């Protein structure tokens, strides 16, 4: 296991003195280090050594969502690119339900090998993304598509469809023709081998498509 002694002192000191929540995980998604701001956000003891622990081994309310966190982490490492997620949990000592954007980036060794992730959080102010989730944000939402089987526009149509927009509303929102929306939804059904809206919704739920927001809908809130 990689320890903090193997990480540049400059990196640790920079994170340590930041007022924003920061953390580093290894390739197995175990924590290597997190700063005081992150510990306070999770409301865990400041003297707790998180090194070598998985998310589920930390005493905070969001630990039950370890599966989603690890899926995000592994996607960052697999693609070796920055990915943003939106986390909505009961944060801090007050256990207040609020949302934070977390940007996760590949963490590299001196040999340029991806050995984990480094993440940074900031509060999502006045967030209105609830409109896409029937007024209630999921605990963990990702801004990287769950698979590569669809084009970006197809993902945008899928997202709005799952948000209960009609085909007409989708065409207006994306500024494309109504017929194009119908054709692309039909094409999506063929790809997934489903034949009805209800089958499609069920497939999306099982495969976590409903936990993805295309970036174009995120930009107004960044």
C-alpha atoms as a PDB file:
ATOM      1  CA  UNK A   1       0.000   0.000   0.000  1.00  0.00           C
ATOM      2  CA  UNK A   2       1.210   3.449  -0.867  1.00  0.00           C
ATOM      3  CA  UNK A   3       1.705   5.645   2.215  1.00  0.00           C
ATOM      4  CA  UNK A   4       1.881   9.384   2.720  1.00  0.00           C
ATOM      5  CA  UNK A   5       5.653   9.041   3.114  1.00  0.00           C
ATOM      6  CA  UNK A   6       5.809   8.178  -0.605  1.00  0.00           C
ATOM      7  CA  UNK A   7       3.970  11.349  -1.613  1.00  0.00           C
ATOM      8  CA  UNK A   8       5.691  14.649  -2.218  1.00  0.00           C
ATOM      9  CA  UNK A   9       5.757  16.849   0.887  1.00  0.00           C
ATOM     10  CA  UNK A  10       4.755  19.776  -1.320  1.00  0.00           C
ATOM     11  CA  UNK A  11       1.524  18.005  -2.296  1.00  0.00           C
ATOM     12  CA  UNK A  12       0.671  17.020   1.280  1.00  0.00           C
ATOM     13  CA  UNK A  13       1.433  20.501   2.632  1.00  0.00           C
ATOM     14  CA  UNK A  14      -0.598  22.197  -0.105  1.00  0.00           C
ATOM     15  CA  UNK A  15      -3.608  19.996   0.623  1.00  0.00           C
ATOM     16  CA  UNK A  16      -3.127  20.230   4.382  1.00  0.00           C
ATOM     17  CA  UNK A  17      -3.348  24.026   4.442  1.00  0.00           C
ATOM     18  CA  UNK A  18      -6.261  24.348   2.012  1.00  0.00           C
ATOM     19  CA  UNK A  19      -9.664  25.411   3.348  1.00  0.00           C
ATOM     20  CA  UNK A  20     -11.311  23.278   0.651  1.00  0.00           C
ATOM     21  CA  UNK A  21     -11.808  19.521   1.113  1.00  0.00           C
ATOM     22  CA  UNK A  22      -9.071  17.447  -0.552  1.00  0.00           C
ATOM     23  CA  UNK A  23      -8.124  13.787  -0.524  1.00  0.00           C
ATOM     24  CA  UNK A  24      -5.964  11.159  -2.207  1.00  0.00           C
ATOM     25  CA  UNK A  25      -6.792   7.490  -2.819  1.00  0.00           C
ATOM     26  CA  UNK A  26      -4.672   4.618  -4.072  1.00  0.00           C
ATOM     27  CA  UNK A  27      -5.394   2.288  -6.978  1.00  0.00           C
ATOM     28  CA  UNK A  28      -7.599   0.043  -4.836  1.00  0.00           C
ATOM     29  CA  UNK A  29      -9.665   3.139  -3.844  1.00  0.00           C
ATOM     30  CA  UNK A  30      -8.317   3.098  -0.275  1.00  0.00           C
ATOM     31  CA  UNK A  31      -7.635   6.492   1.260  1.00  0.00           C
ATOM     32  CA  UNK A  32      -4.022   7.614   1.392  1.00  0.00           C
ATOM     33  CA  UNK A  33      -4.697  11.041   2.846  1.00  0.00           C
ATOM     34  CA  UNK A  34      -7.415  13.625   3.400  1.00  0.00           C
ATOM     35  CA  UNK A  35      -7.130  17.096   4.879  1.00  0.00           C
ATOM     36  CA  UNK A  36      -8.869  18.667   7.869  1.00  0.00           C
ATOM     37  CA  UNK A  37     -11.516  20.325   5.688  1.00  0.00           C
ATOM     38  CA  UNK A  38     -12.530  16.938   4.258  1.00  0.00           C
ATOM     39  CA  UNK A  39     -12.654  15.337   7.706  1.00  0.00           C
ATOM     40  CA  UNK A  40     -14.839  18.194   8.964  1.00  0.00           C
ATOM     41  CA  UNK A  41     -17.145  17.801   5.963  1.00  0.00           C
ATOM     42  CA  UNK A  42     -17.552  14.111   6.808  1.00  0.00           C
ATOM     43  CA  UNK A  43     -17.731  14.949  10.536  1.00  0.00           C
ATOM     44  CA  UNK A  44     -15.196  12.300  11.474  1.00  0.00           C
ATOM     45  CA  UNK A  45     -12.621  12.689  14.290  1.00  0.00           C
ATOM     46  CA  UNK A  46      -9.737  14.905  13.166  1.00  0.00           C
ATOM     47  CA  UNK A  47      -7.248  12.492  14.736  1.00  0.00           C
ATOM     48  CA  UNK A  48      -8.633   9.492  12.822  1.00  0.00           C
ATOM     49  CA  UNK A  49      -6.014   7.994  10.497  1.00  0.00           C
ATOM     50  CA  UNK A  50      -7.852   7.344   7.224  1.00  0.00           C
ATOM     51  CA  UNK A  51      -4.841   5.803   5.495  1.00  0.00           C
ATOM     52  CA  UNK A  52      -5.601   2.308   4.214  1.00  0.00           C
ATOM     53  CA  UNK A  53      -9.348   2.603   4.792  1.00  0.00           C
ATOM     54  CA  UNK A  54     -12.122   2.221   2.242  1.00  0.00           C
ATOM     55  CA  UNK A  55     -15.079   4.621   2.174  1.00  0.00           C
ATOM     56  CA  UNK A  56     -17.272   2.120   4.032  1.00  0.00           C
ATOM     57  CA  UNK A  57     -14.734   2.000   6.873  1.00  0.00           C
ATOM     58  CA  UNK A  58     -15.092   5.696   7.680  1.00  0.00           C
ATOM     59  CA  UNK A  59     -17.721   6.679  10.285  1.00  0.00           C
ATOM     60  CA  UNK A  60     -19.743   9.113   8.210  1.00  0.00           C
ATOM     61  CA  UNK A  61     -23.237   9.180   6.698  1.00  0.00           C
ATOM     62  CA  UNK A  62     -22.041   8.862   3.079  1.00  0.00           C
ATOM     63  CA  UNK A  63     -20.142   5.615   3.703  1.00  0.00           C
ATOM     64  CA  UNK A  64     -23.135   3.584   2.537  1.00  0.00           C
ATOM     65  CA  UNK A  65     -22.584   4.940  -0.978  1.00  0.00           C
ATOM     66  CA  UNK A  66     -19.146   3.360  -1.299  1.00  0.00           C
ATOM     67  CA  UNK A  67     -20.145   1.464  -4.456  1.00  0.00           C
ATOM     68  CA  UNK A  68     -20.923   4.695  -6.327  1.00  0.00           C
ATOM     69  CA  UNK A  69     -17.756   6.411  -5.051  1.00  0.00           C
ATOM     70  CA  UNK A  70     -15.593   3.489  -6.145  1.00  0.00           C
ATOM     71  CA  UNK A  71     -17.253   3.350  -9.554  1.00  0.00           C
ATOM     72  CA  UNK A  72     -16.395   7.034 -10.039  1.00  0.00           C
ATOM     73  CA  UNK A  73     -12.820   6.499  -8.822  1.00  0.00           C
ATOM     74  CA  UNK A  74     -12.185   3.545 -11.129  1.00  0.00           C
ATOM     75  CA  UNK A  75     -13.596   5.422 -14.115  1.00  0.00           C
ATOM     76  CA  UNK A  76     -11.131   8.260 -13.476  1.00  0.00           C
ATOM     77  CA  UNK A  77      -8.237   5.784 -13.318  1.00  0.00           C
ATOM     78  CA  UNK A  78      -9.397   3.803 -16.357  1.00  0.00           C
ATOM     79  CA  UNK A  79      -9.878   6.839 -18.589  1.00  0.00           C
ATOM     80  CA  UNK A  80      -7.036   8.828 -16.981  1.00  0.00           C
ATOM     81  CA  UNK A  81      -8.994  12.063 -17.159  1.00  0.00           C
ATOM     82  CA  UNK A  82     -10.618  14.519 -14.773  1.00  0.00           C
ATOM     83  CA  UNK A  83     -14.225  13.724 -13.915  1.00  0.00           C
ATOM     84  CA  UNK A  84     -16.652  15.763 -11.832  1.00  0.00           C
ATOM     85  CA  UNK A  85     -19.325  14.285  -9.575  1.00  0.00           C
ATOM     86  CA  UNK A  86     -22.090  15.897  -7.544  1.00  0.00           C
ATOM     87  CA  UNK A  87     -22.425  14.571  -4.000  1.00  0.00           C
ATOM     88  CA  UNK A  88     -25.559  15.304  -1.965  1.00  0.00           C
ATOM     89  CA  UNK A  89     -25.304  14.044   1.608  1.00  0.00           C
ATOM     90  CA  UNK A  90     -25.728  15.176   5.205  1.00  0.00           C
ATOM     91  CA  UNK A  91     -22.427  16.982   5.629  1.00  0.00           C
ATOM     92  CA  UNK A  92     -20.701  18.537   8.632  1.00  0.00           C
ATOM     93  CA  UNK A  93     -21.435  18.503  12.348  1.00  0.00           C
ATOM     94  CA  UNK A  94     -24.945  19.861  11.708  1.00  0.00           C
ATOM     95  CA  UNK A  95     -25.673  16.925   9.347  1.00  0.00           C
ATOM     96  CA  UNK A  96     -27.234  19.366   6.917  1.00  0.00           C
ATOM     97  CA  UNK A  97     -28.293  17.995   3.540  1.00  0.00           C
ATOM     98  CA  UNK A  98     -26.300  19.890   0.911  1.00  0.00           C
ATOM     99  CA  UNK A  99     -24.449  19.356  -2.367  1.00  0.00           C
ATOM    100  CA  UNK A 100     -20.766  19.525  -3.274  1.00  0.00           C
ATOM    101  CA  UNK A 101     -19.026  19.239  -6.611  1.00  0.00           C
ATOM    102  CA  UNK A 102     -16.022  16.904  -6.406  1.00  0.00           C
ATOM    103  CA  UNK A 103     -13.466  16.962  -9.198  1.00  0.00           C
ATOM    104  CA  UNK A 104     -11.476  13.737  -9.310  1.00  0.00           C
ATOM    105  CA  UNK A 105      -8.183  13.560 -11.215  1.00  0.00           C
ATOM    106  CA  UNK A 106      -5.692  10.766 -11.947  1.00  0.00           C
ATOM    107  CA  UNK A 107      -2.811  10.720  -9.451  1.00  0.00           C
ATOM    108  CA  UNK A 108       0.556   9.856 -11.003  1.00  0.00           C
ATOM    109  CA  UNK A 109       3.822   8.462  -9.677  1.00  0.00           C
ATOM    110  CA  UNK A 110       7.261   9.840 -10.550  1.00  0.00           C
ATOM    111  CA  UNK A 111       7.322   7.198 -13.311  1.00  0.00           C
ATOM    112  CA  UNK A 112       4.163   8.702 -14.855  1.00  0.00           C
ATOM    113  CA  UNK A 113       2.044   5.716 -13.800  1.00  0.00           C
ATOM    114  CA  UNK A 114      -1.523   6.297 -12.613  1.00  0.00           C
ATOM    115  CA  UNK A 115      -1.486   5.066  -9.013  1.00  0.00           C
ATOM    116  CA  UNK A 116      -4.789   6.442  -7.746  1.00  0.00           C
ATOM    117  CA  UNK A 117      -6.851   9.612  -7.685  1.00  0.00           C
ATOM    118  CA  UNK A 118      -6.689  13.043  -6.078  1.00  0.00           C
ATOM    119  CA  UNK A 119      -9.958  14.868  -5.439  1.00  0.00           C
ATOM    120  CA  UNK A 120     -11.086  18.370  -4.530  1.00  0.00           C
ATOM    121  CA  UNK A 121     -14.525  19.516  -3.398  1.00  0.00           C
ATOM    122  CA  UNK A 122     -16.431  22.785  -3.407  1.00  0.00           C
ATOM    123  CA  UNK A 123     -19.937  23.616  -2.349  1.00  0.00           C
ATOM    124  CA  UNK A 124     -22.611  23.750  -5.043  1.00  0.00           C
ATOM    125  CA  UNK A 125     -24.458  26.983  -4.361  1.00  0.00           C
ATOM    126  CA  UNK A 126     -28.113  27.570  -5.236  1.00  0.00           C
ATOM    127  CA  UNK A 127     -28.244  24.315  -7.159  1.00  0.00           C
ATOM    128  CA  UNK A 128     -31.277  23.899  -9.412  1.00  0.00           C
ATOM    129  CA  UNK A 129     -30.414  20.522 -10.936  1.00  0.00           C
ATOM    130  CA  UNK A 130     -33.268  19.103  -8.856  1.00  0.00           C
ATOM    131  CA  UNK A 131     -35.580  19.936 -11.749  1.00  0.00           C
ATOM    132  CA  UNK A 132     -34.119  16.956 -13.603  1.00  0.00           C
ATOM    133  CA  UNK A 133     -34.732  14.529 -10.715  1.00  0.00           C
ATOM    134  CA  UNK A 134     -38.328  15.281  -9.761  1.00  0.00           C
ATOM    135  CA  UNK A 135     -37.242  17.634  -6.985  1.00  0.00           C
ATOM    136  CA  UNK A 136     -34.842  15.242  -5.226  1.00  0.00           C
ATOM    137  CA  UNK A 137     -31.165  14.878  -6.130  1.00  0.00           C
ATOM    138  CA  UNK A 138     -29.646  11.374  -5.952  1.00  0.00           C
ATOM    139  CA  UNK A 139     -26.853  11.067  -3.338  1.00  0.00           C
ATOM    140  CA  UNK A 140     -24.157  10.677  -5.991  1.00  0.00           C
ATOM    141  CA  UNK A 141     -24.288  11.881  -9.608  1.00  0.00           C
ATOM    142  CA  UNK A 142     -21.545  11.620 -12.211  1.00  0.00           C
ATOM    143  CA  UNK A 143     -20.764  13.827 -15.213  1.00  0.00           C
ATOM    144  CA  UNK A 144     -19.039  11.138 -17.289  1.00  0.00           C
ATOM    145  CA  UNK A 145     -21.222   8.919 -19.476  1.00  0.00           C
ATOM    146  CA  UNK A 146     -21.705   5.370 -18.096  1.00  0.00           C
ATOM    147  CA  UNK A 147     -20.752   3.779 -21.427  1.00  0.00           C
ATOM    148  CA  UNK A 148     -19.528   4.635 -24.908  1.00  0.00           C
ATOM    149  CA  UNK A 149     -22.402   3.027 -26.781  1.00  0.00           C
ATOM    150  CA  UNK A 150     -24.246   6.314 -27.378  1.00  0.00           C
ATOM    151  CA  UNK A 151     -23.327   9.652 -28.916  1.00  0.00           C
ATOM    152  CA  UNK A 152     -23.349  12.784 -26.770  1.00  0.00           C
ATOM    153  CA  UNK A 153     -26.672  13.902 -28.247  1.00  0.00           C
ATOM    154  CA  UNK A 154     -28.181  10.472 -27.628  1.00  0.00           C
ATOM    155  CA  UNK A 155     -27.116  10.719 -23.984  1.00  0.00           C
ATOM    156  CA  UNK A 156     -28.728  14.152 -23.742  1.00  0.00           C
ATOM    157  CA  UNK A 157     -31.987  12.753 -25.108  1.00  0.00           C
ATOM    158  CA  UNK A 158     -31.812   9.795 -22.714  1.00  0.00           C
ATOM    159  CA  UNK A 159     -31.191  12.145 -19.788  1.00  0.00           C
ATOM    160  CA  UNK A 160     -34.158  14.387 -20.587  1.00  0.00           C
ATOM    161  CA  UNK A 161     -36.358  11.368 -21.273  1.00  0.00           C
ATOM    162  CA  UNK A 162     -35.543   9.954 -17.830  1.00  0.00           C
ATOM    163  CA  UNK A 163     -36.312  13.390 -16.372  1.00  0.00           C
ATOM    164  CA  UNK A 164     -39.868  12.900 -17.684  1.00  0.00           C
ATOM    165  CA  UNK A 165     -39.638  15.373 -20.555  1.00  0.00           C
ATOM    166  CA  UNK A 166     -41.928  14.630 -23.497  1.00  0.00           C
ATOM    167  CA  UNK A 167     -40.444  14.107 -26.932  1.00  0.00           C
ATOM    168  CA  UNK A 168     -41.719  17.556 -27.912  1.00  0.00           C
ATOM    169  CA  UNK A 169     -40.075  19.147 -24.842  1.00  0.00           C
ATOM    170  CA  UNK A 170     -36.815  17.345 -25.620  1.00  0.00           C
ATOM    171  CA  UNK A 171     -36.798  18.674 -29.180  1.00  0.00           C
ATOM    172  CA  UNK A 172     -37.359  22.224 -27.914  1.00  0.00           C
ATOM    173  CA  UNK A 173     -34.742  21.966 -25.172  1.00  0.00           C
ATOM    174  CA  UNK A 174     -32.057  20.565 -27.480  1.00  0.00           C
ATOM    175  CA  UNK A 175     -33.132  22.662 -30.460  1.00  0.00           C
ATOM    176  CA  UNK A 176     -33.489  19.665 -32.757  1.00  0.00           C
ATOM    177  CA  UNK A 177     -36.489  18.449 -34.718  1.00  0.00           C
ATOM    178  CA  UNK A 178     -39.245  16.415 -33.116  1.00  0.00           C
ATOM    179  CA  UNK A 179     -38.741  13.701 -35.736  1.00  0.00           C
ATOM    180  CA  UNK A 180     -35.030  13.522 -34.912  1.00  0.00           C
ATOM    181  CA  UNK A 181     -35.857  12.935 -31.244  1.00  0.00           C
ATOM    182  CA  UNK A 182     -38.315  10.174 -32.153  1.00  0.00           C
ATOM    183  CA  UNK A 183     -35.795   8.533 -34.495  1.00  0.00           C
ATOM    184  CA  UNK A 184     -32.982   8.631 -31.945  1.00  0.00           C
ATOM    185  CA  UNK A 185     -35.153   7.185 -29.184  1.00  0.00           C
ATOM    186  CA  UNK A 186     -36.201   4.386 -31.533  1.00  0.00           C
ATOM    187  CA  UNK A 187     -32.548   3.779 -32.424  1.00  0.00           C
ATOM    188  CA  UNK A 188     -31.706   3.633 -28.710  1.00  0.00           C
ATOM    189  CA  UNK A 189     -34.450   1.055 -28.136  1.00  0.00           C
ATOM    190  CA  UNK A 190     -32.999  -1.092 -30.902  1.00  0.00           C
ATOM    191  CA  UNK A 191     -29.503  -0.886 -29.415  1.00  0.00           C
ATOM    192  CA  UNK A 192     -30.757  -1.934 -25.985  1.00  0.00           C
ATOM    193  CA  UNK A 193     -33.276  -4.473 -27.314  1.00  0.00           C
ATOM    194  CA  UNK A 194     -36.211  -2.912 -25.471  1.00  0.00           C
ATOM    195  CA  UNK A 195     -39.639  -2.146 -26.917  1.00  0.00           C
ATOM    196  CA  UNK A 196     -41.370   0.236 -24.518  1.00  0.00           C
ATOM    197  CA  UNK A 197     -40.751   3.324 -22.406  1.00  0.00           C
ATOM    198  CA  UNK A 198     -41.150   1.321 -19.193  1.00  0.00           C
ATOM    199  CA  UNK A 199     -38.612  -1.316 -20.314  1.00  0.00           C
ATOM    200  CA  UNK A 200     -36.216   1.454 -21.272  1.00  0.00           C
ATOM    201  CA  UNK A 201     -36.573   3.200 -17.893  1.00  0.00           C
ATOM    202  CA  UNK A 202     -35.978  -0.080 -16.073  1.00  0.00           C
ATOM    203  CA  UNK A 203     -32.848  -0.804 -18.145  1.00  0.00           C
ATOM    204  CA  UNK A 204     -31.509   2.684 -17.396  1.00  0.00           C
ATOM    205  CA  UNK A 205     -32.128   2.300 -13.669  1.00  0.00           C
ATOM    206  CA  UNK A 206     -30.406  -1.095 -13.480  1.00  0.00           C
ATOM    207  CA  UNK A 207     -27.371   0.244 -15.377  1.00  0.00           C
ATOM    208  CA  UNK A 208     -27.165   3.557 -13.455  1.00  0.00           C
ATOM    209  CA  UNK A 209     -27.944   5.677 -16.523  1.00  0.00           C
ATOM    210  CA  UNK A 210     -30.234   7.681 -14.238  1.00  0.00           C
ATOM    211  CA  UNK A 211     -27.201   8.804 -12.188  1.00  0.00           C
ATOM    212  CA  UNK A 212     -25.531  10.595 -15.097  1.00  0.00           C
ATOM    213  CA  UNK A 213     -25.916  14.256 -16.093  1.00  0.00           C
ATOM    214  CA  UNK A 214     -24.518  15.356 -19.481  1.00  0.00           C
ATOM    215  CA  UNK A 215     -22.127  18.281 -19.107  1.00  0.00           C
ATOM    216  CA  UNK A 216     -24.268  20.738 -21.079  1.00  0.00           C
ATOM    217  CA  UNK A 217     -26.806  20.711 -18.231  1.00  0.00           C
ATOM    218  CA  UNK A 218     -24.073  21.282 -15.649  1.00  0.00           C
ATOM    219  CA  UNK A 219     -22.461  24.432 -17.074  1.00  0.00           C
ATOM    220  CA  UNK A 220     -25.025  26.927 -15.668  1.00  0.00           C
ATOM    221  CA  UNK A 221     -24.154  25.780 -12.144  1.00  0.00           C
ATOM    222  CA  UNK A 222     -20.351  25.839 -12.331  1.00  0.00           C
END
